[in-house]
PDB file of N, CA and C in Angstrom:
ATOM      1  N   MET A   1     -25.237  85.992  71.783  1.00  0.00           N
ATOM      2  CA  MET A   1     -25.808  86.492  72.786  1.00  0.00           C
ATOM      3  C   MET A   1     -24.609  85.843  74.275  1.00  0.00           C
ATOM      4  N   GLU A   2     -24.455  84.733  73.570  1.00  0.00           N
ATOM      5  CA  GLU A   2     -24.070  83.849  74.867  1.00  0.00           C
ATOM      6  C   GLU A   2     -22.529  84.652  75.433  1.00  0.00           C
ATOM      7  N   GLY A   3     -21.812  84.923  74.632  1.00  0.00           N
ATOM      8  CA  GLY A   3     -20.621  85.409  74.342  1.00  0.00           C
ATOM      9  C   GLY A   3     -20.549  86.985  75.503  1.00  0.00           C
ATOM     10  N   GLU A   4     -21.490  87.891  75.119  1.00  0.00           N
ATOM     11  CA  GLU A   4     -21.752  88.622  75.714  1.00  0.00           C
ATOM     12  C   GLU A   4     -22.499  88.871  77.249  1.00  0.00           C
ATOM     13  N   ASP A   5     -23.067  87.589  77.311  1.00  0.00           N
ATOM     14  CA  ASP A   5     -23.565  86.987  78.582  1.00  0.00           C
ATOM     15  C   ASP A   5     -22.634  86.498  79.735  1.00  0.00           C
ATOM     16  N   ALA A   6     -21.358  85.909  79.207  1.00  0.00           N
ATOM     17  CA  ALA A   6     -20.155  85.718  79.743  1.00  0.00           C
ATOM     18  C   ALA A   6     -19.476  86.768  80.130  1.00  0.00           C
ATOM     19  N   ILE A   7     -19.506  88.094  79.204  1.00  0.00           N
ATOM     20  CA  ILE A   7     -18.565  89.296  79.756  1.00  0.00           C
ATOM     21  C   ILE A   7     -19.321  89.950  81.146  1.00  0.00           C
ATOM     22  N   PHE A   8     -20.562  89.847  81.168  1.00  0.00           N
ATOM     23  CA  PHE A   8     -21.279  90.649  81.903  1.00  0.00           C
ATOM     24  C   PHE A   8     -21.423  89.814  83.185  1.00  0.00           C
ATOM     25  N   SER A   9     -21.177  88.718  82.980  1.00  0.00           N
ATOM     26  CA  SER A   9     -21.375  87.533  84.407  1.00  0.00           C
ATOM     27  C   SER A   9     -19.949  88.017  85.080  1.00  0.00           C
ATOM     28  N   TRP A  10     -19.415  87.941  84.325  1.00  0.00           N
ATOM     29  CA  TRP A  10     -17.521  88.241  84.639  1.00  0.00           C
ATOM     30  C   TRP A  10     -17.743  89.628  85.925  1.00  0.00           C
ATOM     31  N   PHE A  11     -18.228  91.087  85.209  1.00  0.00           N
ATOM     32  CA  PHE A  11     -18.158  92.082  85.775  1.00  0.00           C
ATOM     33  C   PHE A  11     -19.319  91.749  86.988  1.00  0.00           C
ATOM     34  N   LYS A  12     -20.304  90.870  86.722  1.00  0.00           N
ATOM     35  CA  LYS A  12     -21.236  90.749  88.078  1.00  0.00           C
ATOM     36  C   LYS A  12     -20.507  89.941  89.261  1.00  0.00           C
ATOM     37  N   SER A  13     -19.711  88.759  89.085  1.00  0.00           N
ATOM     38  CA  SER A  13     -19.248  87.905  89.718  1.00  0.00           C
ATOM     39  C   SER A  13     -17.687  88.879  90.434  1.00  0.00           C
ATOM     40  N   ALA A  14     -17.011  89.685  89.638  1.00  0.00           N
ATOM     41  CA  ALA A  14     -16.049  90.055  90.229  1.00  0.00           C
ATOM     42  C   ALA A  14     -16.144  90.763  91.476  1.00  0.00           C
ATOM     43  N   LYS A  15     -15.447  90.867  92.569  1.00  0.00           N
ATOM     44  CA  LYS A  15     -15.332  91.394  93.962  1.00  0.00           C
ATOM     45  C   LYS A  15     -14.836  92.583  94.238  1.00  0.00           C
ATOM     46  N   PRO A  16     -15.846  93.303  94.528  1.00  0.00           N
ATOM     47  CA  PRO A  16     -15.436  94.789  94.856  1.00  0.00           C
ATOM     48  C   PRO A  16     -14.132  94.780  95.673  1.00  0.00           C
ATOM     49  N   VAL A  17     -13.606  96.022  95.793  1.00  0.00           N
ATOM     50  CA  VAL A  17     -12.216  96.375  96.339  1.00  0.00           C
ATOM     51  C   VAL A  17     -12.768  96.633  97.862  1.00  0.00           C
ATOM     52  N   GLU A  18     -12.350  95.989  98.749  1.00  0.00           N
ATOM     53  CA  GLU A  18     -12.975  96.107  99.966  1.00  0.00           C
ATOM     54  C   GLU A  18     -11.951  96.906 100.574  1.00  0.00           C
ATOM     55  N   ASP A  19     -10.831  97.277 100.723  1.00  0.00           N
ATOM     56  CA  ASP A  19     -10.144  98.416 101.589  1.00  0.00           C
ATOM     57  C   ASP A  19      -9.392  99.139 100.707  1.00  0.00           C
ATOM     58  N   THR A  20      -9.741 100.536 100.179  1.00  0.00           N
ATOM     59  CA  THR A  20      -9.380 101.115  99.537  1.00  0.00           C
ATOM     60  C   THR A  20      -8.871 102.740 100.450  1.00  0.00           C
ATOM     61  N   LYS A  21      -8.622 102.265 101.605  1.00  0.00           N
ATOM     62  CA  LYS A  21      -8.213 103.402 102.467  1.00  0.00           C
ATOM     63  C   LYS A  21      -6.580 103.884 102.318  1.00  0.00           C
ATOM     64  N   PRO A  22      -5.573 102.958 102.005  1.00  0.00           N
ATOM     65  CA  PRO A  22      -4.545 103.131 101.704  1.00  0.00           C
ATOM     66  C   PRO A  22      -4.021 103.717 100.339  1.00  0.00           C
ATOM     67  N   MET A  23      -4.674 103.492  99.452  1.00  0.00           N
ATOM     68  CA  MET A  23      -4.874 104.168  97.937  1.00  0.00           C
ATOM     69  C   MET A  23      -5.252 105.701  98.417  1.00  0.00           C
ATOM     70  N   ARG A  24      -6.251 105.285  98.652  1.00  0.00           N
ATOM     71  CA  ARG A  24      -6.918 107.120  99.124  1.00  0.00           C
ATOM     72  C   ARG A  24      -5.738 108.204  99.761  1.00  0.00           C
ATOM     73  N   ASP A  25      -5.527 107.724 100.895  1.00  0.00           N
ATOM     74  CA  ASP A  25      -4.312 108.279 101.766  1.00  0.00           C
ATOM     75  C   ASP A  25      -3.365 108.488 100.615  1.00  0.00           C
ATOM     76  N   ARG A  26      -2.733 107.430 100.330  1.00  0.00           N
ATOM     77  CA  ARG A  26      -1.884 107.702  99.256  1.00  0.00           C
ATOM     78  C   ARG A  26      -1.969 109.007  97.938  1.00  0.00           C
ATOM     79  N   LEU A  27      -3.293 108.670  97.641  1.00  0.00           N
ATOM     80  CA  LEU A  27      -3.657 109.885  96.709  1.00  0.00           C
ATOM     81  C   LEU A  27      -3.628 111.258  97.320  1.00  0.00           C
ATOM     82  N   ASP A  28      -4.280 111.097  98.456  1.00  0.00           N
ATOM     83  CA  ASP A  28      -4.189 112.622  99.013  1.00  0.00           C
ATOM     84  C   ASP A  28      -2.708 112.983  99.520  1.00  0.00           C
ATOM     85  N   GLU A  29      -1.895 112.602  99.719  1.00  0.00           N
ATOM     86  CA  GLU A  29      -0.424 112.588  99.952  1.00  0.00           C
ATOM     87  C   GLU A  29       0.071 113.238  98.624  1.00  0.00           C
ATOM     88  N   PHE A  30       0.090 112.486  97.541  1.00  0.00           N
ATOM     89  CA  PHE A  30       0.359 113.066  95.969  1.00  0.00           C
ATOM     90  C   PHE A  30      -0.533 114.579  95.878  1.00  0.00           C
ATOM     91  N   GLU A  31      -1.340 114.562  96.454  1.00  0.00           N
ATOM     92  CA  GLU A  31      -2.313 115.797  95.671  1.00  0.00           C
ATOM     93  C   GLU A  31      -1.747 116.814  96.949  1.00  0.00           C
ATOM     94  N   ARG A  32      -1.471 116.710  98.189  1.00  0.00           N
ATOM     95  CA  ARG A  32      -1.285 117.823  98.966  1.00  0.00           C
ATOM     96  C   ARG A  32       0.521 118.304  98.710  1.00  0.00           C
ATOM     97  N   ARG A  33       1.073 117.222  98.137  1.00  0.00           N
ATOM     98  CA  ARG A  33       2.659 117.104  97.205  1.00  0.00           C
ATOM     99  C   ARG A  33       2.554 118.119  96.224  1.00  0.00           C
ATOM    100  N   ILE A  34       1.533 118.058  95.555  1.00  0.00           N
ATOM    101  CA  ILE A  34       1.456 118.862  94.072  1.00  0.00           C
ATOM    102  C   ILE A  34       1.070 120.127  94.216  1.00  0.00           C
ATOM    103  N   ARG A  35       0.314 120.088  95.347  1.00  0.00           N
ATOM    104  CA  ARG A  35      -0.229 121.444  96.018  1.00  0.00           C
ATOM    105  C   ARG A  35       0.877 122.245  96.482  1.00  0.00           C
ATOM    106  N   TYR A  36       1.993 121.434  97.262  1.00  0.00           N
ATOM    107  CA  TYR A  36       3.145 122.488  97.443  1.00  0.00           C
ATOM    108  C   TYR A  36       4.109 122.928  96.618  1.00  0.00           C
ATOM    109  N   VAL A  37       4.028 121.763  95.791  1.00  0.00           N
ATOM    110  CA  VAL A  37       5.292 122.008  94.402  1.00  0.00           C
ATOM    111  C   VAL A  37       4.439 123.392  94.029  1.00  0.00           C
ATOM    112  N   GLU A  38       3.347 123.163  93.780  1.00  0.00           N
ATOM    113  CA  GLU A  38       2.725 124.431  92.959  1.00  0.00           C
ATOM    114  C   GLU A  38       2.800 125.877  93.766  1.00  0.00           C
ATOM    115  N   GLN A  39       2.469 125.720  94.984  1.00  0.00           N
ATOM    116  CA  GLN A  39       2.917 127.172  95.639  1.00  0.00           C
ATOM    117  C   GLN A  39       4.329 127.557  95.735  1.00  0.00           C
ATOM    118  N   ASP A  40       5.377 126.446  95.849  1.00  0.00           N
ATOM    119  CA  ASP A  40       6.500 126.453  95.876  1.00  0.00           C
ATOM    120  C   ASP A  40       6.894 127.522  94.543  1.00  0.00           C
ATOM    121  N   TRP A  41       6.582 126.810  93.516  1.00  0.00           N
ATOM    122  CA  TRP A  41       6.809 127.201  92.018  1.00  0.00           C
ATOM    123  C   TRP A  41       6.220 128.843  91.789  1.00  0.00           C
ATOM    124  N   THR A  42       4.819 129.087  92.327  1.00  0.00           N
ATOM    125  CA  THR A  42       4.327 130.475  92.299  1.00  0.00           C
ATOM    126  C   THR A  42       5.371 131.383  93.092  1.00  0.00           C
ATOM    127  N   GLU A  43       5.873 130.940  94.351  1.00  0.00           N
ATOM    128  CA  GLU A  43       7.063 131.904  94.633  1.00  0.00           C
ATOM    129  C   GLU A  43       8.224 132.402  94.608  1.00  0.00           C
ATOM    130  N   VAL A  44       8.779 131.089  93.507  1.00  0.00           N
ATOM    131  CA  VAL A  44      10.149 131.287  92.806  1.00  0.00           C
ATOM    132  C   VAL A  44      10.301 132.310  91.615  1.00  0.00           C
ATOM    133  N   TYR A  45       8.850 131.958  91.189  1.00  0.00           N
ATOM    134  CA  TYR A  45       8.389 132.791  89.682  1.00  0.00           C
ATOM    135  C   TYR A  45       7.832 133.885  89.895  1.00  0.00           C
ATOM    136  N   ASN A  46       7.684 134.192  91.099  1.00  0.00           N
ATOM    137  CA  ASN A  46       7.305 135.679  91.457  1.00  0.00           C
ATOM    138  C   ASN A  46       8.424 136.346  92.030  1.00  0.00           C
ATOM    139  N   LYS A  47       9.503 136.268  92.517  1.00  0.00           N
ATOM    140  CA  LYS A  47      10.688 136.327  92.629  1.00  0.00           C
ATOM    141  C   LYS A  47      11.652 136.926  91.366  1.00  0.00           C
ATOM    142  N   PHE A  48      11.677 135.852  90.666  1.00  0.00           N
ATOM    143  CA  PHE A  48      12.524 135.832  89.249  1.00  0.00           C
ATOM    144  C   PHE A  48      11.909 136.951  88.970  1.00  0.00           C
ATOM    145  N   ARG A  49      10.319 137.000  88.768  1.00  0.00           N
ATOM    146  CA  ARG A  49       9.580 138.153  87.861  1.00  0.00           C
ATOM    147  C   ARG A  49      10.323 139.907  88.216  1.00  0.00           C
ATOM    148  N   THR A  50      10.374 139.513  89.297  1.00  0.00           N
ATOM    149  CA  THR A  50      10.733 140.850  90.603  1.00  0.00           C
ATOM    150  C   THR A  50      12.368 141.193  90.000  1.00  0.00           C
ATOM    151  N   LEU A  51      12.656 140.010  90.239  1.00  0.00           N
ATOM    152  CA  LEU A  51      14.407 140.508  89.832  1.00  0.00           C
ATOM    153  C   LEU A  51      14.428 140.955  88.332  1.00  0.00           C
ATOM    154  N   GLN A  52      13.741 140.092  87.531  1.00  0.00           N
ATOM    155  CA  GLN A  52      13.652 141.048  86.057  1.00  0.00           C
ATOM    156  C   GLN A  52      13.389 142.481  86.044  1.00  0.00           C
ATOM    157  N   MET A  53      12.179 142.643  86.270  1.00  0.00           N
ATOM    158  CA  MET A  53      11.977 143.931  86.311  1.00  0.00           C
ATOM    159  C   MET A  53      12.928 144.768  86.732  1.00  0.00           C
ATOM    160  N   ARG A  54      13.348 144.756  87.934  1.00  0.00           N
ATOM    161  CA  ARG A  54      14.475 145.797  88.432  1.00  0.00           C
ATOM    162  C   ARG A  54      15.630 145.732  87.529  1.00  0.00           C
ATOM    163  N   VAL A  55      16.114 144.562  87.175  1.00  0.00           N
ATOM    164  CA  VAL A  55      17.056 144.864  86.049  1.00  0.00           C
ATOM    165  C   VAL A  55      16.840 145.302  84.755  1.00  0.00           C
ATOM    166  N   ALA A  56      15.626 145.410  84.493  1.00  0.00           N
ATOM    167  CA  ALA A  56      15.101 146.013  83.206  1.00  0.00           C
ATOM    168  C   ALA A  56      15.201 147.399  83.286  1.00  0.00           C
ATOM    169  N   LYS A  57      14.489 147.631  84.575  1.00  0.00           N
ATOM    170  CA  LYS A  57      14.686 149.203  84.871  1.00  0.00           C
ATOM    171  C   LYS A  57      15.993 149.712  84.914  1.00  0.00           C
ATOM    172  N   GLN A  58      16.814 149.019  85.809  1.00  0.00           N
ATOM    173  CA  GLN A  58      18.403 149.433  85.823  1.00  0.00           C
ATOM    174  C   GLN A  58      18.702 149.669  84.341  1.00  0.00           C
ATOM    175  N   VAL A  59      18.768 148.794  83.457  1.00  0.00           N
ATOM    176  CA  VAL A  59      19.451 149.100  82.296  1.00  0.00           C
ATOM    177  C   VAL A  59      18.292 150.116  81.435  1.00  0.00           C
ATOM    178  N   GLN A  60      17.147 150.304  81.570  1.00  0.00           N
ATOM    179  CA  GLN A  60      16.657 151.497  81.265  1.00  0.00           C
ATOM    180  C   GLN A  60      17.214 152.442  81.870  1.00  0.00           C
ATOM    181  N   ARG A  61      17.448 153.004  82.839  1.00  0.00           N
ATOM    182  CA  ARG A  61      17.792 153.690  83.603  1.00  0.00           C
ATOM    183  C   ARG A  61      19.605 154.352  83.015  1.00  0.00           C
ATOM    184  N   LEU A  62      20.404 153.195  82.780  1.00  0.00           N
ATOM    185  CA  LEU A  62      21.417 153.329  82.276  1.00  0.00           C
ATOM    186  C   LEU A  62      21.924 153.637  80.857  1.00  0.00           C
ATOM    187  N   ASP A  63      20.535 153.412  80.121  1.00  0.00           N
ATOM    188  CA  ASP A  63      20.387 153.689  78.575  1.00  0.00           C
ATOM    189  C   ASP A  63      20.150 155.255  78.635  1.00  0.00           C
ATOM    190  N   ALA A  64      19.470 155.620  79.533  1.00  0.00           N
ATOM    191  CA  ALA A  64      19.112 157.350  79.599  1.00  0.00           C
ATOM    192  C   ALA A  64      20.280 157.786  79.771  1.00  0.00           C
ATOM    193  N   ASN A  65      20.964 157.477  80.962  1.00  0.00           N
ATOM    194  CA  ASN A  65      22.129 158.523  81.483  1.00  0.00           C
ATOM    195  C   ASN A  65      23.168 158.183  80.326  1.00  0.00           C
ATOM    196  N   SER A  66      23.316 157.088  79.277  1.00  0.00           N
ATOM    197  CA  SER A  66      24.210 157.065  78.195  1.00  0.00           C
ATOM    198  C   SER A  66      23.901 158.055  77.359  1.00  0.00           C
ATOM    199  N   SER A  67      22.610 158.117  76.850  1.00  0.00           N
ATOM    200  CA  SER A  67      22.024 159.004  76.138  1.00  0.00           C
ATOM    201  C   SER A  67      22.174 160.415  76.274  1.00  0.00           C
ATOM    202  N   GLN A  68      22.247 160.960  77.487  1.00  0.00           N
ATOM    203  CA  GLN A  68      22.240 161.998  78.047  1.00  0.00           C
ATOM    204  C   GLN A  68      23.585 162.775  77.949  1.00  0.00           C
ATOM    205  N   GLU A  69      24.908 161.644  77.894  1.00  0.00           N
ATOM    206  CA  GLU A  69      26.006 161.924  78.226  1.00  0.00           C
ATOM    207  C   GLU A  69      26.910 161.770  76.423  1.00  0.00           C
ATOM    208  N   GLY A  70      25.892 160.838  75.556  1.00  0.00           N
ATOM    209  CA  GLY A  70      26.567 160.873  74.562  1.00  0.00           C
ATOM    210  C   GLY A  70      26.790 162.058  73.573  1.00  0.00           C
ATOM    211  N   GLY A  71      26.935 163.502  73.900  1.00  0.00           N
ATOM    212  CA  GLY A  71      27.226 164.540  73.153  1.00  0.00           C
ATOM    213  C   GLY A  71      28.596 165.062  73.883  1.00  0.00           C
ATOM    214  N   LYS A  72      29.264 164.031  74.744  1.00  0.00           N
ATOM    215  CA  LYS A  72      30.452 164.924  75.484  1.00  0.00           C
ATOM    216  C   LYS A  72      31.653 164.313  74.819  1.00  0.00           C
ATOM    217  N   GLY A  73      32.824 165.228  74.451  1.00  0.00           N
ATOM    218  CA  GLY A  73      33.939 164.412  74.187  1.00  0.00           C
ATOM    219  C   GLY A  73      34.279 163.458  73.090  1.00  0.00           C
ATOM    220  N   ASP A  74      35.134 162.950  73.195  1.00  0.00           N
ATOM    221  CA  ASP A  74      35.897 161.447  72.122  1.00  0.00           C
ATOM    222  C   ASP A  74      35.015 160.517  72.714  1.00  0.00           C
ATOM    223  N   GLY A  75      35.468 159.350  72.084  1.00  0.00           N
ATOM    224  CA  GLY A  75      34.838 158.307  72.102  1.00  0.00           C
ATOM    225  C   GLY A  75      35.338 157.364  73.559  1.00  0.00           C
ATOM    226  N   GLU A  76      36.630 157.841  73.916  1.00  0.00           N
ATOM    227  CA  GLU A  76      37.311 157.124  75.253  1.00  0.00           C
ATOM    228  C   GLU A  76      36.479 158.312  76.189  1.00  0.00           C
ATOM    229  N   THR A  77      36.122 159.292  76.251  1.00  0.00           N
ATOM    230  CA  THR A  77      35.632 160.048  77.257  1.00  0.00           C
ATOM    231  C   THR A  77      34.395 159.657  77.610  1.00  0.00           C
ATOM    232  N   GLN A  78      33.435 159.606  76.532  1.00  0.00           N
ATOM    233  CA  GLN A  78      32.077 158.759  76.678  1.00  0.00           C
ATOM    234  C   GLN A  78      32.205 157.336  77.420  1.00  0.00           C
ATOM    235  N   PHE A  79      32.877 156.451  76.724  1.00  0.00           N
ATOM    236  CA  PHE A  79      33.530 155.246  77.541  1.00  0.00           C
ATOM    237  C   PHE A  79      33.608 155.116  79.044  1.00  0.00           C
ATOM    238  N   VAL A  80      34.339 156.132  79.278  1.00  0.00           N
ATOM    239  CA  VAL A  80      34.798 156.278  80.791  1.00  0.00           C
ATOM    240  C   VAL A  80      33.701 156.841  81.884  1.00  0.00           C
ATOM    241  N   ASP A  81      32.729 157.870  81.058  1.00  0.00           N
ATOM    242  CA  ASP A  81      31.956 158.609  81.583  1.00  0.00           C
ATOM    243  C   ASP A  81      30.485 157.491  81.970  1.00  0.00           C
ATOM    244  N   SER A  82      30.458 156.451  80.699  1.00  0.00           N
ATOM    245  CA  SER A  82      29.338 155.801  80.806  1.00  0.00           C
ATOM    246  C   SER A  82      29.775 154.681  81.649  1.00  0.00           C
ATOM    247  N   GLY A  83      31.202 154.104  81.945  1.00  0.00           N
ATOM    248  CA  GLY A  83      31.458 153.557  82.829  1.00  0.00           C
ATOM    249  C   GLY A  83      31.363 154.133  84.300  1.00  0.00           C
ATOM    250  N   LEU A  84      31.530 155.213  84.247  1.00  0.00           N
ATOM    251  CA  LEU A  84      31.093 155.843  85.684  1.00  0.00           C
ATOM    252  C   LEU A  84      29.684 155.582  86.317  1.00  0.00           C
ATOM    253  N   SER A  85      28.895 156.167  85.465  1.00  0.00           N
ATOM    254  CA  SER A  85      27.147 155.843  85.481  1.00  0.00           C
ATOM    255  C   SER A  85      26.810 154.505  85.868  1.00  0.00           C
ATOM    256  N   ALA A  86      27.652 153.583  84.847  1.00  0.00           N
ATOM    257  CA  ALA A  86      27.169 152.271  85.727  1.00  0.00           C
ATOM    258  C   ALA A  86      27.365 151.704  86.625  1.00  0.00           C
ATOM    259  N   ALA A  87      29.187 151.790  87.230  1.00  0.00           N
ATOM    260  CA  ALA A  87      29.590 151.700  88.100  1.00  0.00           C
ATOM    261  C   ALA A  87      28.935 152.602  89.586  1.00  0.00           C
ATOM    262  N   GLY A  88      28.492 153.891  88.972  1.00  0.00           N
ATOM    263  CA  GLY A  88      27.690 154.500  90.092  1.00  0.00           C
ATOM    264  C   GLY A  88      26.579 154.471  90.312  1.00  0.00           C
ATOM    265  N   SER A  89      25.794 154.044  89.619  1.00  0.00           N
ATOM    266  CA  SER A  89      24.847 153.269  89.953  1.00  0.00           C
ATOM    267  C   SER A  89      24.454 152.300  91.375  1.00  0.00           C
ATOM    268  N   SER A  90      25.603 151.495  91.834  1.00  0.00           N
ATOM    269  CA  SER A  90      25.637 150.627  92.847  1.00  0.00           C
ATOM    270  C   SER A  90      26.111 151.275  93.685  1.00  0.00           C
ATOM    271  N   LEU A  91      26.826 152.202  93.909  1.00  0.00           N
ATOM    272  CA  LEU A  91      27.557 153.258  94.638  1.00  0.00           C
ATOM    273  C   LEU A  91      26.940 154.321  95.538  1.00  0.00           C
ATOM    274  N   SER A  92      27.413 154.441  96.760  1.00  0.00           N
ATOM    275  CA  SER A  92      26.906 155.273  97.309  1.00  0.00           C
ATOM    276  C   SER A  92      27.294 156.936  97.159  1.00  0.00           C
ATOM    277  N   PRO A  93      26.579 157.636  97.199  1.00  0.00           N
ATOM    278  CA  PRO A  93      26.901 159.210  96.714  1.00  0.00           C
ATOM    279  C   PRO A  93      28.551 159.581  97.044  1.00  0.00           C
ATOM    280  N   ARG A  94      28.875 159.264  98.161  1.00  0.00           N
ATOM    281  CA  ARG A  94      30.525 159.069  98.425  1.00  0.00           C
ATOM    282  C   ARG A  94      31.648 158.545  97.531  1.00  0.00           C
ATOM    283  N   MET A  95      30.995 157.384  97.348  1.00  0.00           N
ATOM    284  CA  MET A  95      32.089 156.500  96.863  1.00  0.00           C
ATOM    285  C   MET A  95      31.808 156.666  95.214  1.00  0.00           C
ATOM    286  N   GLN A  96      30.605 157.298  94.697  1.00  0.00           N
ATOM    287  CA  GLN A  96      30.613 157.876  93.640  1.00  0.00           C
ATOM    288  C   GLN A  96      31.820 159.215  93.241  1.00  0.00           C
ATOM    289  N   ARG A  97      31.824 159.898  94.157  1.00  0.00           N
ATOM    290  CA  ARG A  97      32.397 161.141  94.109  1.00  0.00           C
ATOM    291  C   ARG A  97      33.579 160.732  94.261  1.00  0.00           C
ATOM    292  N   ILE A  98      34.517 159.805  94.907  1.00  0.00           N
ATOM    293  CA  ILE A  98      35.895 159.102  95.248  1.00  0.00           C
ATOM    294  C   ILE A  98      35.955 158.656  93.932  1.00  0.00           C
ATOM    295  N   GLN A  99      34.698 157.811  92.883  1.00  0.00           N
ATOM    296  CA  GLN A  99      35.199 157.153  91.811  1.00  0.00           C
ATOM    297  C   GLN A  99      35.664 158.064  90.640  1.00  0.00           C
ATOM    298  N   LYS A 100      34.624 159.204  90.847  1.00  0.00           N
ATOM    299  CA  LYS A 100      34.979 160.438  89.965  1.00  0.00           C
ATOM    300  C   LYS A 100      36.251 161.163  89.698  1.00  0.00           C
ATOM    301  N   GLU A 101      36.577 161.338  91.139  1.00  0.00           N
ATOM    302  CA  GLU A 101      37.926 161.930  91.374  1.00  0.00           C
ATOM    303  C   GLU A 101      39.266 161.310  90.646  1.00  0.00           C
ATOM    304  N   ILE A 102      39.100 159.436  90.695  1.00  0.00           N
ATOM    305  CA  ILE A 102      39.759 158.984  90.512  1.00  0.00           C
ATOM    306  C   ILE A 102      40.133 158.771  89.088  1.00  0.00           C
ATOM    307  N   LEU A 103      38.900 158.846  88.372  1.00  0.00           N
ATOM    308  CA  LEU A 103      38.962 158.736  86.894  1.00  0.00           C
ATOM    309  C   LEU A 103      39.124 160.522  86.328  1.00  0.00           C
ATOM    310  N   GLU A 104      38.854 161.327  87.088  1.00  0.00           N
ATOM    311  CA  GLU A 104      39.444 162.370  86.273  1.00  0.00           C
ATOM    312  C   GLU A 104      41.277 162.356  86.513  1.00  0.00           C
ATOM    313  N   ARG A 105      41.676 162.288  87.644  1.00  0.00           N
ATOM    314  CA  ARG A 105      43.326 161.883  87.980  1.00  0.00           C
ATOM    315  C   ARG A 105      43.465 160.915  86.775  1.00  0.00           C
ATOM    316  N   ARG A 106      43.121 160.069  86.400  1.00  0.00           N
ATOM    317  CA  ARG A 106      43.674 159.393  85.601  1.00  0.00           C
ATOM    318  C   ARG A 106      43.951 159.950  83.967  1.00  0.00           C
ATOM    319  N   GLN A 107      42.508 160.796  83.520  1.00  0.00           N
ATOM    320  CA  GLN A 107      42.338 161.545  82.409  1.00  0.00           C
ATOM    321  C   GLN A 107      43.390 162.161  82.282  1.00  0.00           C
ATOM    322  N   ARG A 108      44.100 163.181  83.418  1.00  0.00           N
ATOM    323  CA  ARG A 108      44.963 164.135  83.455  1.00  0.00           C
ATOM    324  C   ARG A 108      46.379 163.890  83.207  1.00  0.00           C
ATOM    325  N   MET A 109      46.357 162.403  83.433  1.00  0.00           N
ATOM    326  CA  MET A 109      48.108 161.817  83.436  1.00  0.00           C
ATOM    327  C   MET A 109      48.512 161.602  81.912  1.00  0.00           C
ATOM    328  N   PRO A 110      49.640 161.695  81.833  1.00  0.00           N
ATOM    329  CA  PRO A 110      49.962 161.425  80.647  1.00  0.00           C
ATOM    330  C   PRO A 110      49.933 160.088  80.469  1.00  0.00           C
ATOM    331  N   ALA A 111      49.728 159.477  79.032  1.00  0.00           N
ATOM    332  CA  ALA A 111      49.596 158.108  78.768  1.00  0.00           C
ATOM    333  C   ALA A 111      51.274 157.770  78.911  1.00  0.00           C
ATOM    334  N   ALA A 112      50.889 156.306  79.618  1.00  0.00           N
ATOM    335  CA  ALA A 112      52.397 155.663  79.827  1.00  0.00           C
ATOM    336  C   ALA A 112      52.744 155.026  78.449  1.00  0.00           C
ATOM    337  N   PRO A 113      54.355 155.059  78.380  1.00  0.00           N
ATOM    338  CA  PRO A 113      54.791 154.453  77.244  1.00  0.00           C
ATOM    339  C   PRO A 113      54.318 153.004  77.011  1.00  0.00           C
ATOM    340  N   VAL A 114      53.897 152.824  75.919  1.00  0.00           N
ATOM    341  CA  VAL A 114      53.601 151.095  75.695  1.00  0.00           C
ATOM    342  C   VAL A 114      54.859 150.254  75.536  1.00  0.00           C
ATOM    343  N   ALA A 115      55.398 149.321  76.427  1.00  0.00           N
ATOM    344  CA  ALA A 115      56.470 148.438  75.918  1.00  0.00           C
ATOM    345  C   ALA A 115      56.235 147.318  74.654  1.00  0.00           C
ATOM    346  N   LYS A 116      57.231 147.479  73.818  1.00  0.00           N
ATOM    347  CA  LYS A 116      57.033 146.740  72.536  1.00  0.00           C
ATOM    348  C   LYS A 116      57.263 145.366  72.868  1.00  0.00           C
ATOM    349  N   GLU A 117      56.785 144.437  72.220  1.00  0.00           N
ATOM    350  CA  GLU A 117      57.530 143.135  72.606  1.00  0.00           C
ATOM    351  C   GLU A 117      58.597 142.610  71.771  1.00  0.00           C
ATOM    352  N   GLY A 118      59.392 141.771  72.365  1.00  0.00           N
ATOM    353  CA  GLY A 118      60.957 141.219  72.063  1.00  0.00           C
ATOM    354  C   GLY A 118      61.770 142.051  73.147  1.00  0.00           C
ATOM    355  N   GLY A 119      61.388 143.384  73.987  1.00  0.00           N
ATOM    356  CA  GLY A 119      62.027 143.955  74.922  1.00  0.00           C
ATOM    357  C   GLY A 119      62.598 145.042  74.226  1.00  0.00           C
ATOM    358  N   GLU A 120      62.212 145.575  73.023  1.00  0.00           N
ATOM    359  CA  GLU A 120      63.132 146.874  72.094  1.00  0.00           C
ATOM    360  C   GLU A 120      62.439 147.805  72.598  1.00  0.00           C
TER     361      GLU A 120
END
């Protein structure tokens, strides 16, 4: 029991910490910083989530448009048409009409001869 009394007597003789104010101030500062980081992270996450949902909706619309255009013509025409709908989704109605006219002119033009390698 003598050893146990020595341990407890050490606890009794230990001096209490007199000034914990600087430590409390530091702890309060850390807690404030953590709250700020959590709020900032929440804002960033919400912005990311909103952007993700917009992209998902746009992909869904493009898929719906391409499936509606799926029955048209040959594969090249389908590719051009789906390219028009993909590019047209971010263009104004006027720009969509101009883009469509350009693509129609390109389709009407005869294919340019392909140059062979070696200059032949």
